[in-house]
Amino acid sequence: MKIRVIITGVTGMVGEGVLHECLQHPDVEHVLVINRKPCGVSHPKLTEIIHKDFFDLSAIKSQLSNYNACYFCLGVSSVGLKEEEYSRLSFDLTVHMAEMLAGLNPDMVFCYVSGMGTDSTELGKRMWARVKGKTENHLMQLPFKKAYMFRPAYINPIKGLKNTHKSYYAFMWLFPILRRLFPNVTVSLKELGIAMIHTVTKGYDKAILESKDIIKLSKS
């Protein structure tokens, strides 16, 4: 199966890494990225839309059809935000775009990056975990072909990409050791990207993927 994918958040570390893997992978034939600013990547497979308001996608709606995958890597930190604002930027924005894509692309596989500790009950003490859990729960109810929730913990970046925060470089050399010590909470960004590609071409028997599931799917 050839993949035509929409990726969000490629100006961040995770989205940039997923884009990198998609552009190299033979099963991906076309990539559309939607950004508020240019990502600075040029490739024959790649089309970029610069769009400022993700709460109003009406101007680009006609360009969002004929895709069978979406890798939603757009996200914000909860630090310094009250629940109402964080929910607006995490739940409202994500669901708004997902609902439109589900209506336009009934054969789409949707992958959402939340994080380890996400609270599916929506009742826990940690605000970000409740909001992420609410977002996951809603996405899994939309009429996608399949929806997968990715919950990585530590993600080891891909060397040479430009959107990796400098603090990660202090840990990259430790990754083989961390992987041996904490195999269930460490994944590489390459594994994450390949696992997303495999959700379309191979599928997976769980809708919620923790780090160990991400690793397993990436190697399938």
N, C-alpha and C. Protein backbone atom coordinates (compact mmCIF):
# COMPACT_ATOMS: atom_id res chain seq x y z
N MET A 1 0.84 -1.19 0.00
CA MET A 1 0.00 0.00 0.00
C MET A 1 0.87 1.25 0.00
N LYS A 2 0.61 2.16 -0.91
CA LYS A 2 1.34 3.43 -0.93
C LYS A 2 0.62 4.44 -0.04
N ILE A 3 1.41 5.19 0.68
CA ILE A 3 0.88 6.11 1.68
C ILE A 3 0.92 7.54 1.17
N ARG A 4 -0.22 8.21 1.31
CA ARG A 4 -0.32 9.65 1.10
C ARG A 4 -0.68 10.25 2.45
N VAL A 5 0.24 11.00 3.02
CA VAL A 5 0.11 11.37 4.43
C VAL A 5 0.14 12.88 4.63
N ILE A 6 -0.65 13.32 5.61
CA ILE A 6 -0.60 14.69 6.12
C ILE A 6 0.13 14.65 7.46
N ILE A 7 1.11 15.53 7.63
CA ILE A 7 1.86 15.60 8.89
C ILE A 7 1.75 17.01 9.44
N THR A 8 1.46 17.12 10.72
CA THR A 8 1.47 18.42 11.40
C THR A 8 2.62 18.45 12.40
N GLY A 9 3.06 19.64 12.74
CA GLY A 9 4.08 19.80 13.78
C GLY A 9 5.49 19.55 13.32
N VAL A 10 5.77 19.69 12.02
CA VAL A 10 7.12 19.33 11.53
C VAL A 10 8.16 20.39 11.86
N THR A 11 7.76 21.52 12.43
CA THR A 11 8.76 22.48 12.91
C THR A 11 9.18 22.17 14.34
N GLY A 12 8.64 21.09 14.92
CA GLY A 12 9.08 20.58 16.21
C GLY A 12 9.91 19.32 16.03
N MET A 13 10.52 18.85 17.10
CA MET A 13 11.44 17.72 17.00
C MET A 13 10.75 16.44 16.52
N VAL A 14 9.61 16.11 17.10
CA VAL A 14 8.94 14.85 16.76
C VAL A 14 8.43 14.89 15.33
N GLY A 15 7.73 15.96 14.97
CA GLY A 15 7.21 16.06 13.62
C GLY A 15 8.29 16.07 12.56
N GLU A 16 9.40 16.76 12.85
CA GLU A 16 10.51 16.79 11.90
C GLU A 16 11.08 15.39 11.69
N GLY A 17 11.20 14.63 12.77
CA GLY A 17 11.72 13.27 12.66
C GLY A 17 10.79 12.36 11.89
N VAL A 18 9.49 12.48 12.13
CA VAL A 18 8.51 11.68 11.39
C VAL A 18 8.54 12.04 9.91
N LEU A 19 8.62 13.33 9.61
CA LEU A 19 8.75 13.76 8.22
C LEU A 19 10.00 13.16 7.58
N HIS A 20 11.11 13.20 8.28
CA HIS A 20 12.38 12.67 7.78
C HIS A 20 12.23 11.20 7.39
N GLU A 21 11.58 10.41 8.26
CA GLU A 21 11.40 8.99 7.96
C GLU A 21 10.45 8.77 6.79
N CYS A 22 9.42 9.57 6.70
CA CYS A 22 8.45 9.43 5.61
C CYS A 22 9.09 9.74 4.26
N LEU A 23 9.92 10.77 4.21
CA LEU A 23 10.54 11.14 2.94
C LEU A 23 11.52 10.08 2.45
N GLN A 24 12.07 9.30 3.37
CA GLN A 24 13.02 8.25 3.00
C GLN A 24 12.36 6.90 2.70
N HIS A 25 11.13 6.73 3.15
CA HIS A 25 10.52 5.40 3.11
C HIS A 25 9.86 5.12 1.76
N PRO A 26 10.11 3.96 1.17
CA PRO A 26 9.57 3.66 -0.15
C PRO A 26 8.05 3.51 -0.19
N ASP A 27 7.41 3.21 0.95
CA ASP A 27 5.96 3.05 0.97
C ASP A 27 5.22 4.38 1.01
N VAL A 28 5.93 5.47 1.25
CA VAL A 28 5.30 6.80 1.29
C VAL A 28 5.53 7.48 -0.05
N GLU A 29 4.43 7.76 -0.75
CA GLU A 29 4.56 8.36 -2.08
C GLU A 29 4.36 9.87 -2.08
N HIS A 30 3.64 10.40 -1.07
CA HIS A 30 3.41 11.85 -1.03
C HIS A 30 3.20 12.30 0.41
N VAL A 31 3.77 13.46 0.73
CA VAL A 31 3.64 14.04 2.07
C VAL A 31 3.16 15.48 1.94
N LEU A 32 2.10 15.79 2.69
CA LEU A 32 1.63 17.17 2.81
C LEU A 32 1.88 17.63 4.24
N VAL A 33 2.59 18.73 4.40
CA VAL A 33 2.78 19.30 5.74
C VAL A 33 2.05 20.63 5.82
N ILE A 34 1.45 20.87 6.97
CA ILE A 34 0.72 22.12 7.22
C ILE A 34 1.39 22.82 8.38
N ASN A 35 1.92 24.00 8.12
CA ASN A 35 2.70 24.73 9.12
C ASN A 35 2.27 26.18 9.20
N ARG A 36 2.61 26.80 10.32
CA ARG A 36 2.43 28.25 10.44
C ARG A 36 3.61 29.01 9.84
N LYS A 37 4.74 28.32 9.72
CA LYS A 37 5.93 28.92 9.11
C LYS A 37 6.64 27.85 8.29
N PRO A 38 7.45 28.24 7.30
CA PRO A 38 8.11 27.24 6.45
C PRO A 38 9.00 26.30 7.25
N CYS A 39 9.00 25.02 6.85
CA CYS A 39 9.82 24.03 7.57
C CYS A 39 11.25 23.98 7.05
N GLY A 40 11.50 24.55 5.88
CA GLY A 40 12.85 24.59 5.34
C GLY A 40 13.31 23.30 4.70
N VAL A 41 12.38 22.40 4.41
CA VAL A 41 12.71 21.12 3.78
C VAL A 41 12.18 21.12 2.35
N SER A 42 13.00 20.64 1.43
CA SER A 42 12.59 20.52 0.03
C SER A 42 12.79 19.07 -0.41
N HIS A 43 11.78 18.49 -1.07
CA HIS A 43 11.87 17.09 -1.49
C HIS A 43 10.80 16.85 -2.56
N PRO A 44 11.06 15.99 -3.54
CA PRO A 44 10.07 15.72 -4.59
C PRO A 44 8.74 15.18 -4.06
N LYS A 45 8.75 14.48 -2.92
CA LYS A 45 7.52 13.94 -2.35
C LYS A 45 6.71 14.97 -1.58
N LEU A 46 7.33 16.11 -1.27
CA LEU A 46 6.79 17.01 -0.25
C LEU A 46 6.03 18.20 -0.83
N THR A 47 4.84 18.45 -0.26
CA THR A 47 4.08 19.68 -0.50
C THR A 47 3.87 20.36 0.85
N GLU A 48 4.04 21.66 0.88
CA GLU A 48 3.89 22.41 2.13
C GLU A 48 2.81 23.47 1.98
N ILE A 49 1.93 23.54 2.98
CA ILE A 49 0.93 24.61 3.07
C ILE A 49 1.25 25.46 4.29
N ILE A 50 1.39 26.76 4.08
CA ILE A 50 1.56 27.68 5.20
C ILE A 50 0.19 28.23 5.56
N HIS A 51 -0.23 27.95 6.78
CA HIS A 51 -1.57 28.35 7.22
C HIS A 51 -1.51 28.77 8.67
N LYS A 52 -1.94 29.97 8.97
CA LYS A 52 -1.76 30.54 10.31
C LYS A 52 -2.78 30.06 11.33
N ASP A 53 -4.03 29.85 10.92
CA ASP A 53 -5.11 29.60 11.87
C ASP A 53 -5.60 28.16 11.76
N PHE A 54 -5.17 27.30 12.67
CA PHE A 54 -5.58 25.90 12.64
C PHE A 54 -7.00 25.71 13.17
N PHE A 55 -7.60 26.77 13.72
CA PHE A 55 -8.99 26.70 14.14
C PHE A 55 -9.95 27.00 12.98
N ASP A 56 -9.43 27.49 11.89
CA ASP A 56 -10.23 27.76 10.70
C ASP A 56 -9.48 27.22 9.48
N LEU A 57 -9.85 26.05 9.04
CA LEU A 57 -9.18 25.39 7.92
C LEU A 57 -9.96 25.49 6.62
N SER A 58 -11.00 26.33 6.62
CA SER A 58 -11.88 26.39 5.46
C SER A 58 -11.13 26.79 4.19
N ALA A 59 -10.13 27.65 4.30
CA ALA A 59 -9.40 28.12 3.12
C ALA A 59 -8.57 27.03 2.47
N ILE A 60 -8.22 25.99 3.22
CA ILE A 60 -7.37 24.92 2.65
C ILE A 60 -8.10 23.58 2.59
N LYS A 61 -9.38 23.57 2.92
CA LYS A 61 -10.14 22.32 2.98
C LYS A 61 -10.06 21.52 1.68
N SER A 62 -10.10 22.22 0.56
CA SER A 62 -10.10 21.53 -0.73
C SER A 62 -8.78 20.79 -1.01
N GLN A 63 -7.74 21.12 -0.25
CA GLN A 63 -6.42 20.50 -0.46
C GLN A 63 -6.16 19.32 0.50
N LEU A 64 -7.16 18.95 1.31
CA LEU A 64 -6.95 17.96 2.35
C LEU A 64 -7.61 16.61 2.03
N SER A 65 -8.06 16.43 0.81
CA SER A 65 -8.68 15.16 0.40
C SER A 65 -7.65 14.25 -0.27
N ASN A 66 -8.03 12.98 -0.40
CA ASN A 66 -7.21 11.98 -1.09
C ASN A 66 -5.95 11.62 -0.32
N TYR A 67 -6.09 11.53 0.99
CA TYR A 67 -4.99 11.08 1.86
C TYR A 67 -5.46 9.88 2.68
N ASN A 68 -4.55 8.95 2.92
CA ASN A 68 -4.92 7.76 3.71
C ASN A 68 -4.19 7.68 5.05
N ALA A 69 -3.51 8.75 5.43
CA ALA A 69 -2.84 8.79 6.74
C ALA A 69 -2.69 10.22 7.21
N CYS A 70 -2.73 10.40 8.53
CA CYS A 70 -2.36 11.67 9.15
C CYS A 70 -1.53 11.36 10.38
N TYR A 71 -0.35 11.97 10.46
CA TYR A 71 0.51 11.83 11.63
C TYR A 71 0.50 13.18 12.35
N PHE A 72 -0.28 13.24 13.41
CA PHE A 72 -0.53 14.51 14.10
C PHE A 72 0.50 14.66 15.22
N CYS A 73 1.53 15.46 14.95
CA CYS A 73 2.65 15.67 15.88
C CYS A 73 2.65 17.07 16.47
N LEU A 74 1.60 17.82 16.22
CA LEU A 74 1.52 19.19 16.72
C LEU A 74 1.12 19.17 18.19
N GLY A 75 1.81 19.94 19.01
CA GLY A 75 1.47 19.98 20.42
C GLY A 75 2.16 21.14 21.13
N VAL A 76 1.66 21.45 22.31
CA VAL A 76 2.25 22.52 23.12
C VAL A 76 2.50 21.99 24.53
N SER A 77 3.43 22.61 25.21
CA SER A 77 3.69 22.27 26.61
C SER A 77 2.59 22.86 27.49
N SER A 78 2.28 22.15 28.56
CA SER A 78 1.27 22.66 29.50
C SER A 78 1.86 23.64 30.51
N VAL A 79 3.18 23.77 30.51
CA VAL A 79 3.85 24.62 31.50
C VAL A 79 3.37 26.07 31.37
N GLY A 80 2.88 26.63 32.46
CA GLY A 80 2.43 28.01 32.48
C GLY A 80 1.04 28.25 31.94
N LEU A 81 0.35 27.21 31.52
CA LEU A 81 -1.00 27.36 30.96
C LEU A 81 -2.05 26.84 31.92
N LYS A 82 -3.17 27.55 31.99
CA LYS A 82 -4.31 27.05 32.75
C LYS A 82 -5.04 26.01 31.90
N GLU A 83 -5.86 25.20 32.56
CA GLU A 83 -6.49 24.08 31.87
C GLU A 83 -7.33 24.54 30.68
N GLU A 84 -8.04 25.65 30.80
CA GLU A 84 -8.89 26.10 29.71
C GLU A 84 -8.08 26.40 28.45
N GLU A 85 -6.95 27.08 28.61
CA GLU A 85 -6.13 27.43 27.45
C GLU A 85 -5.41 26.20 26.90
N TYR A 86 -4.90 25.35 27.80
CA TYR A 86 -4.24 24.14 27.32
C TYR A 86 -5.22 23.23 26.59
N SER A 87 -6.42 23.14 27.09
CA SER A 87 -7.45 22.33 26.44
C SER A 87 -7.81 22.89 25.07
N ARG A 88 -7.85 24.21 24.97
CA ARG A 88 -8.15 24.83 23.67
C ARG A 88 -7.08 24.48 22.64
N LEU A 89 -5.80 24.53 23.05
CA LEU A 89 -4.69 24.31 22.13
C LEU A 89 -4.42 22.83 21.88
N SER A 90 -4.83 21.98 22.81
CA SER A 90 -4.56 20.55 22.66
C SER A 90 -5.80 19.78 22.20
N PHE A 91 -6.91 19.95 22.91
CA PHE A 91 -8.12 19.21 22.56
C PHE A 91 -8.87 19.86 21.40
N ASP A 92 -9.25 21.11 21.56
CA ASP A 92 -10.09 21.77 20.55
C ASP A 92 -9.42 21.80 19.18
N LEU A 93 -8.17 22.20 19.14
CA LEU A 93 -7.46 22.33 17.86
C LEU A 93 -7.31 20.97 17.19
N THR A 94 -6.88 19.98 17.96
CA THR A 94 -6.67 18.64 17.39
C THR A 94 -7.97 18.06 16.86
N VAL A 95 -9.02 18.13 17.67
CA VAL A 95 -10.30 17.54 17.28
C VAL A 95 -10.91 18.27 16.09
N HIS A 96 -10.75 19.59 16.04
CA HIS A 96 -11.28 20.35 14.91
C HIS A 96 -10.68 19.84 13.60
N MET A 97 -9.38 19.68 13.57
CA MET A 97 -8.72 19.22 12.35
C MET A 97 -9.06 17.76 12.07
N ALA A 98 -9.08 16.93 13.11
CA ALA A 98 -9.36 15.51 12.93
C ALA A 98 -10.77 15.28 12.40
N GLU A 99 -11.72 16.02 12.89
CA GLU A 99 -13.10 15.85 12.41
C GLU A 99 -13.22 16.20 10.93
N MET A 100 -12.53 17.24 10.51
CA MET A 100 -12.56 17.60 9.10
C MET A 100 -11.90 16.51 8.26
N LEU A 101 -10.74 16.01 8.69
CA LEU A 101 -10.04 14.98 7.93
C LEU A 101 -10.84 13.69 7.85
N ALA A 102 -11.51 13.33 8.95
CA ALA A 102 -12.32 12.11 8.94
C ALA A 102 -13.46 12.22 7.94
N GLY A 103 -14.04 13.40 7.82
CA GLY A 103 -15.12 13.59 6.86
C GLY A 103 -14.65 13.56 5.42
N LEU A 104 -13.43 14.00 5.19
CA LEU A 104 -12.89 14.08 3.83
C LEU A 104 -12.22 12.78 3.39
N ASN A 105 -11.72 12.00 4.35
CA ASN A 105 -10.89 10.83 4.04
C ASN A 105 -11.34 9.62 4.87
N PRO A 106 -12.39 8.94 4.49
CA PRO A 106 -12.90 7.82 5.30
C PRO A 106 -11.94 6.65 5.41
N ASP A 107 -10.96 6.54 4.53
CA ASP A 107 -9.98 5.44 4.60
C ASP A 107 -8.71 5.85 5.31
N MET A 108 -8.76 6.94 6.07
CA MET A 108 -7.56 7.47 6.71
C MET A 108 -7.22 6.74 8.00
N VAL A 109 -5.92 6.50 8.21
CA VAL A 109 -5.38 6.06 9.50
C VAL A 109 -4.81 7.30 10.20
N PHE A 110 -5.26 7.56 11.41
CA PHE A 110 -4.88 8.78 12.14
C PHE A 110 -4.01 8.39 13.33
N CYS A 111 -2.82 8.97 13.40
CA CYS A 111 -1.88 8.73 14.51
C CYS A 111 -1.69 10.03 15.30
N TYR A 112 -1.89 9.95 16.59
CA TYR A 112 -1.79 11.12 17.47
C TYR A 112 -0.72 10.88 18.52
N VAL A 113 0.16 11.83 18.69
CA VAL A 113 1.23 11.73 19.70
C VAL A 113 0.76 12.41 20.98
N SER A 114 0.57 11.63 22.03
CA SER A 114 0.21 12.21 23.33
C SER A 114 1.41 12.07 24.26
N GLY A 115 1.51 10.97 24.99
CA GLY A 115 2.68 10.80 25.84
C GLY A 115 2.41 9.81 26.96
N MET A 116 3.49 9.23 27.47
CA MET A 116 3.36 8.30 28.60
C MET A 116 2.69 9.00 29.78
N GLY A 117 1.75 8.34 30.41
CA GLY A 117 1.05 8.91 31.55
C GLY A 117 -0.26 9.57 31.20
N THR A 118 -0.62 9.57 29.92
CA THR A 118 -1.91 10.13 29.52
C THR A 118 -3.03 9.40 30.25
N ASP A 119 -4.03 10.16 30.70
CA ASP A 119 -5.07 9.65 31.58
C ASP A 119 -6.36 9.39 30.81
N SER A 120 -6.60 8.12 30.48
CA SER A 120 -7.81 7.77 29.72
C SER A 120 -9.09 7.98 30.51
N THR A 121 -8.99 8.01 31.85
CA THR A 121 -10.20 8.21 32.66
C THR A 121 -10.65 9.67 32.65
N GLU A 122 -9.72 10.58 32.33
CA GLU A 122 -9.97 12.04 32.32
C GLU A 122 -10.26 12.58 33.72
N LEU A 123 -9.91 11.82 34.76
CA LEU A 123 -10.27 12.20 36.13
C LEU A 123 -9.06 12.40 37.05
N GLY A 124 -7.86 12.17 36.54
CA GLY A 124 -6.67 12.23 37.38
C GLY A 124 -6.29 13.65 37.81
N LYS A 125 -5.25 13.73 38.63
CA LYS A 125 -4.83 15.02 39.19
C LYS A 125 -4.01 15.86 38.22
N ARG A 126 -3.33 15.20 37.27
CA ARG A 126 -2.46 15.95 36.36
C ARG A 126 -3.27 16.51 35.19
N MET A 127 -3.27 17.84 35.10
CA MET A 127 -4.11 18.52 34.12
C MET A 127 -3.80 18.08 32.71
N TRP A 128 -2.51 18.07 32.34
CA TRP A 128 -2.15 17.75 30.96
C TRP A 128 -2.59 16.33 30.60
N ALA A 129 -2.49 15.41 31.57
CA ALA A 129 -2.84 14.01 31.32
C ALA A 129 -4.34 13.85 31.11
N ARG A 130 -5.15 14.62 31.84
CA ARG A 130 -6.60 14.59 31.65
C ARG A 130 -6.98 15.09 30.26
N VAL A 131 -6.36 16.21 29.87
CA VAL A 131 -6.68 16.81 28.56
C VAL A 131 -6.25 15.88 27.43
N LYS A 132 -5.05 15.32 27.55
CA LYS A 132 -4.59 14.38 26.52
C LYS A 132 -5.49 13.15 26.46
N GLY A 133 -5.92 12.67 27.64
CA GLY A 133 -6.82 11.52 27.67
C GLY A 133 -8.15 11.82 27.00
N LYS A 134 -8.68 12.99 27.28
CA LYS A 134 -9.93 13.42 26.63
C LYS A 134 -9.76 13.49 25.12
N THR A 135 -8.62 14.01 24.69
CA THR A 135 -8.34 14.12 23.25
C THR A 135 -8.26 12.73 22.61
N GLU A 136 -7.51 11.84 23.23
CA GLU A 136 -7.42 10.47 22.72
C GLU A 136 -8.79 9.82 22.62
N ASN A 137 -9.56 9.92 23.68
CA ASN A 137 -10.87 9.27 23.71
C ASN A 137 -11.77 9.77 22.58
N HIS A 138 -11.72 11.06 22.32
CA HIS A 138 -12.55 11.62 21.25
C HIS A 138 -12.05 11.15 19.88
N LEU A 139 -10.75 11.17 19.69
CA LEU A 139 -10.20 10.76 18.39
C LEU A 139 -10.55 9.31 18.07
N MET A 140 -10.57 8.45 19.07
CA MET A 140 -10.86 7.04 18.83
C MET A 140 -12.33 6.79 18.50
N GLN A 141 -13.17 7.81 18.69
CA GLN A 141 -14.59 7.69 18.35
C GLN A 141 -14.90 8.23 16.95
N LEU A 142 -13.95 8.89 16.32
CA LEU A 142 -14.19 9.46 15.00
C LEU A 142 -14.16 8.36 13.93
N PRO A 143 -14.84 8.60 12.80
CA PRO A 143 -14.97 7.55 11.78
C PRO A 143 -13.75 7.39 10.87
N PHE A 144 -12.57 7.28 11.47
CA PHE A 144 -11.37 6.94 10.72
C PHE A 144 -11.36 5.43 10.44
N LYS A 145 -10.59 5.01 9.45
CA LYS A 145 -10.37 3.59 9.24
C LYS A 145 -9.77 2.98 10.50
N LYS A 146 -8.75 3.65 11.06
CA LYS A 146 -8.15 3.30 12.34
C LYS A 146 -7.57 4.56 12.96
N ALA A 147 -7.56 4.60 14.29
CA ALA A 147 -6.91 5.70 15.00
C ALA A 147 -5.99 5.12 16.06
N TYR A 148 -4.75 5.57 16.07
CA TYR A 148 -3.75 5.07 17.00
C TYR A 148 -3.22 6.21 17.86
N MET A 149 -3.14 5.94 19.16
CA MET A 149 -2.63 6.93 20.10
C MET A 149 -1.22 6.51 20.52
N PHE A 150 -0.24 7.35 20.24
CA PHE A 150 1.16 7.06 20.55
C PHE A 150 1.54 7.71 21.87
N ARG A 151 2.05 6.89 22.81
CA ARG A 151 2.41 7.38 24.14
C ARG A 151 3.89 7.12 24.46
N PRO A 152 4.79 7.75 23.74
CA PRO A 152 6.21 7.56 24.07
C PRO A 152 6.58 8.28 25.36
N ALA A 153 7.66 7.86 25.98
CA ALA A 153 8.21 8.57 27.13
C ALA A 153 9.43 9.34 26.64
N TYR A 154 10.65 8.80 26.88
CA TYR A 154 11.84 9.45 26.34
C TYR A 154 12.00 9.09 24.87
N ILE A 155 12.20 10.10 24.03
CA ILE A 155 12.41 9.90 22.60
C ILE A 155 13.83 10.33 22.26
N ASN A 156 14.62 9.40 21.73
CA ASN A 156 15.98 9.75 21.33
C ASN A 156 15.93 10.36 19.93
N PRO A 157 16.45 11.58 19.76
CA PRO A 157 16.31 12.28 18.47
C PRO A 157 17.17 11.68 17.37
N ILE A 158 16.93 12.14 16.16
CA ILE A 158 17.71 11.75 15.00
C ILE A 158 18.84 12.75 14.82
N LYS A 159 20.06 12.27 14.82
CA LYS A 159 21.21 13.15 14.71
C LYS A 159 21.19 13.93 13.40
N GLY A 160 21.45 15.21 13.49
CA GLY A 160 21.57 16.04 12.30
C GLY A 160 20.34 16.86 11.96
N LEU A 161 19.19 16.54 12.58
CA LEU A 161 17.99 17.34 12.32
C LEU A 161 18.05 18.63 13.13
N LYS A 162 17.42 19.66 12.62
CA LYS A 162 17.65 21.01 13.16
C LYS A 162 16.74 21.41 14.30
N ASN A 163 15.63 20.70 14.51
CA ASN A 163 14.68 21.12 15.54
C ASN A 163 14.81 20.36 16.84
N THR A 164 15.93 19.69 17.03
CA THR A 164 16.19 18.99 18.28
C THR A 164 16.70 19.97 19.33
N HIS A 165 16.04 20.00 20.49
CA HIS A 165 16.48 20.89 21.56
C HIS A 165 17.88 20.48 22.02
N LYS A 166 18.71 21.47 22.29
CA LYS A 166 20.11 21.20 22.63
C LYS A 166 20.27 20.29 23.84
N SER A 167 19.30 20.33 24.76
CA SER A 167 19.41 19.49 25.96
C SER A 167 19.42 18.00 25.63
N TYR A 168 18.82 17.63 24.49
CA TYR A 168 18.77 16.21 24.12
C TYR A 168 20.16 15.67 23.79
N TYR A 169 21.03 16.54 23.28
CA TYR A 169 22.35 16.06 22.88
C TYR A 169 23.17 15.56 24.07
N ALA A 170 22.81 16.03 25.27
CA ALA A 170 23.51 15.57 26.46
C ALA A 170 23.18 14.12 26.79
N PHE A 171 22.05 13.61 26.23
CA PHE A 171 21.61 12.26 26.56
C PHE A 171 21.75 11.27 25.40
N MET A 172 22.00 11.78 24.18
CA MET A 172 22.00 10.88 23.03
C MET A 172 23.02 9.75 23.17
N TRP A 173 24.20 10.07 23.69
CA TRP A 173 25.23 9.04 23.83
C TRP A 173 24.85 8.00 24.87
N LEU A 174 23.91 8.37 25.78
CA LEU A 174 23.48 7.46 26.83
C LEU A 174 22.36 6.52 26.38
N PHE A 175 21.81 6.75 25.19
CA PHE A 175 20.61 6.02 24.78
C PHE A 175 20.78 4.51 24.83
N PRO A 176 21.88 3.92 24.34
CA PRO A 176 22.02 2.46 24.42
C PRO A 176 21.95 1.94 25.86
N ILE A 177 22.49 2.73 26.79
CA ILE A 177 22.47 2.33 28.20
C ILE A 177 21.05 2.47 28.75
N LEU A 178 20.41 3.60 28.46
CA LEU A 178 19.04 3.83 28.92
C LEU A 178 18.10 2.77 28.36
N ARG A 179 18.34 2.37 27.12
CA ARG A 179 17.50 1.36 26.49
C ARG A 179 17.60 0.02 27.23
N ARG A 180 18.82 -0.33 27.64
CA ARG A 180 18.99 -1.58 28.39
C ARG A 180 18.37 -1.50 29.78
N LEU A 181 18.52 -0.34 30.42
CA LEU A 181 18.01 -0.18 31.78
C LEU A 181 16.50 0.03 31.83
N PHE A 182 15.98 0.78 30.83
CA PHE A 182 14.55 1.14 30.82
C PHE A 182 13.94 0.84 29.45
N PRO A 183 13.86 -0.42 29.08
CA PRO A 183 13.43 -0.77 27.72
C PRO A 183 11.98 -0.40 27.42
N ASN A 184 11.16 -0.21 28.44
CA ASN A 184 9.75 0.07 28.21
C ASN A 184 9.41 1.56 28.15
N VAL A 185 10.41 2.42 28.33
CA VAL A 185 10.12 3.86 28.32
C VAL A 185 11.05 4.65 27.40
N THR A 186 11.82 3.96 26.57
CA THR A 186 12.75 4.64 25.68
C THR A 186 12.52 4.18 24.25
N VAL A 187 12.34 5.14 23.35
CA VAL A 187 12.23 4.83 21.93
C VAL A 187 13.09 5.81 21.16
N SER A 188 13.47 5.43 19.97
CA SER A 188 14.17 6.38 19.10
C SER A 188 13.13 7.06 18.20
N LEU A 189 13.45 8.25 17.77
CA LEU A 189 12.55 8.98 16.88
C LEU A 189 12.39 8.23 15.55
N LYS A 190 13.44 7.55 15.13
CA LYS A 190 13.34 6.72 13.92
C LYS A 190 12.31 5.62 14.11
N GLU A 191 12.34 4.96 15.27
CA GLU A 191 11.35 3.91 15.55
C GLU A 191 9.94 4.47 15.56
N LEU A 192 9.78 5.65 16.12
CA LEU A 192 8.46 6.28 16.17
C LEU A 192 7.94 6.54 14.76
N GLY A 193 8.78 7.11 13.90
CA GLY A 193 8.36 7.40 12.54
C GLY A 193 8.01 6.15 11.75
N ILE A 194 8.84 5.13 11.87
CA ILE A 194 8.59 3.89 11.14
C ILE A 194 7.34 3.19 11.68
N ALA A 195 7.13 3.23 12.98
CA ALA A 195 5.92 2.64 13.55
C ALA A 195 4.67 3.31 12.99
N MET A 196 4.71 4.63 12.84
CA MET A 196 3.56 5.32 12.25
C MET A 196 3.31 4.85 10.82
N ILE A 197 4.36 4.71 10.05
CA ILE A 197 4.22 4.21 8.69
C ILE A 197 3.61 2.81 8.70
N HIS A 198 4.04 1.98 9.64
CA HIS A 198 3.56 0.60 9.71
C HIS A 198 2.11 0.50 10.18
N THR A 199 1.58 1.54 10.85
CA THR A 199 0.15 1.49 11.21
C THR A 199 -0.71 1.41 9.96
N VAL A 200 -0.22 1.98 8.86
CA VAL A 200 -0.97 1.98 7.61
C VAL A 200 -0.73 0.69 6.83
N THR A 201 0.52 0.28 6.73
CA THR A 201 0.86 -0.85 5.87
C THR A 201 0.69 -2.21 6.55
N LYS A 202 0.78 -2.24 7.90
CA LYS A 202 0.72 -3.51 8.62
C LYS A 202 -0.38 -3.55 9.66
N GLY A 203 -0.71 -2.39 10.25
CA GLY A 203 -1.70 -2.35 11.32
C GLY A 203 -1.12 -2.83 12.64
N TYR A 204 -1.92 -2.68 13.71
CA TYR A 204 -1.51 -3.11 15.04
C TYR A 204 -2.76 -3.48 15.82
N ASP A 205 -2.62 -4.39 16.79
CA ASP A 205 -3.79 -4.91 17.48
C ASP A 205 -4.21 -4.08 18.69
N LYS A 206 -3.51 -2.99 18.95
CA LYS A 206 -3.89 -2.08 20.03
C LYS A 206 -4.07 -0.68 19.47
N ALA A 207 -5.03 0.07 20.02
CA ALA A 207 -5.23 1.45 19.60
C ALA A 207 -4.29 2.40 20.33
N ILE A 208 -3.90 2.02 21.55
CA ILE A 208 -3.00 2.84 22.36
C ILE A 208 -1.64 2.16 22.40
N LEU A 209 -0.62 2.86 21.93
CA LEU A 209 0.73 2.29 21.82
C LEU A 209 1.66 2.95 22.82
N GLU A 210 2.09 2.16 23.80
CA GLU A 210 3.14 2.60 24.71
C GLU A 210 4.49 2.39 24.04
N SER A 211 5.56 2.75 24.71
CA SER A 211 6.89 2.67 24.09
C SER A 211 7.21 1.27 23.58
N LYS A 212 6.91 0.24 24.37
CA LYS A 212 7.22 -1.13 23.94
C LYS A 212 6.44 -1.51 22.68
N ASP A 213 5.21 -0.98 22.54
CA ASP A 213 4.42 -1.26 21.34
C ASP A 213 5.00 -0.54 20.13
N ILE A 214 5.47 0.68 20.34
CA ILE A 214 6.07 1.45 19.26
C ILE A 214 7.30 0.71 18.71
N ILE A 215 8.13 0.22 19.62
CA ILE A 215 9.32 -0.52 19.21
C ILE A 215 8.93 -1.79 18.45
N LYS A 216 7.96 -2.52 18.98
CA LYS A 216 7.52 -3.76 18.34
C LYS A 216 6.99 -3.50 16.94
N LEU A 217 6.13 -2.49 16.81
CA LEU A 217 5.54 -2.18 15.49
C LEU A 217 6.60 -1.71 14.51
N SER A 218 7.57 -0.96 14.98
CA SER A 218 8.62 -0.45 14.08
C SER A 218 9.45 -1.57 13.51
N LYS A 219 9.52 -2.69 14.21
CA LYS A 219 10.36 -3.81 13.77
C LYS A 219 9.53 -4.89 13.06
N SER A 220 8.24 -4.67 12.92
CA SER A 220 7.38 -5.70 12.31
C SER A 220 7.54 -5.73 10.80
